[in-house]
């Protein structure tokens, strides 16, 4: 697979001045922090049908990428909405 960049998946990533994470108590939620993790706000509350639970996040440049039991998803607005890849 030469030429394909491997992205490191995680449950929390830094994107610009924000930390973005999968909520540790509800994996349907995406949260963000603008104070290095002191406080967290909800950015997205998922639907169990789709995308369902999140397991991993990655910074894909212009997109956030996420994985879960229901497949691969992407967001072009810092996690406010998600679309199936």
Foldseek 3Di string as FASTA:
>chain_A
DPPDDDWDWDQWDDDPQKIWGQDPVAQQWIWIDNPVPPDIDTQERHDCVPPRGWDIWTCPDQWIWTQDPNGIWIDNPSPNDIDHD
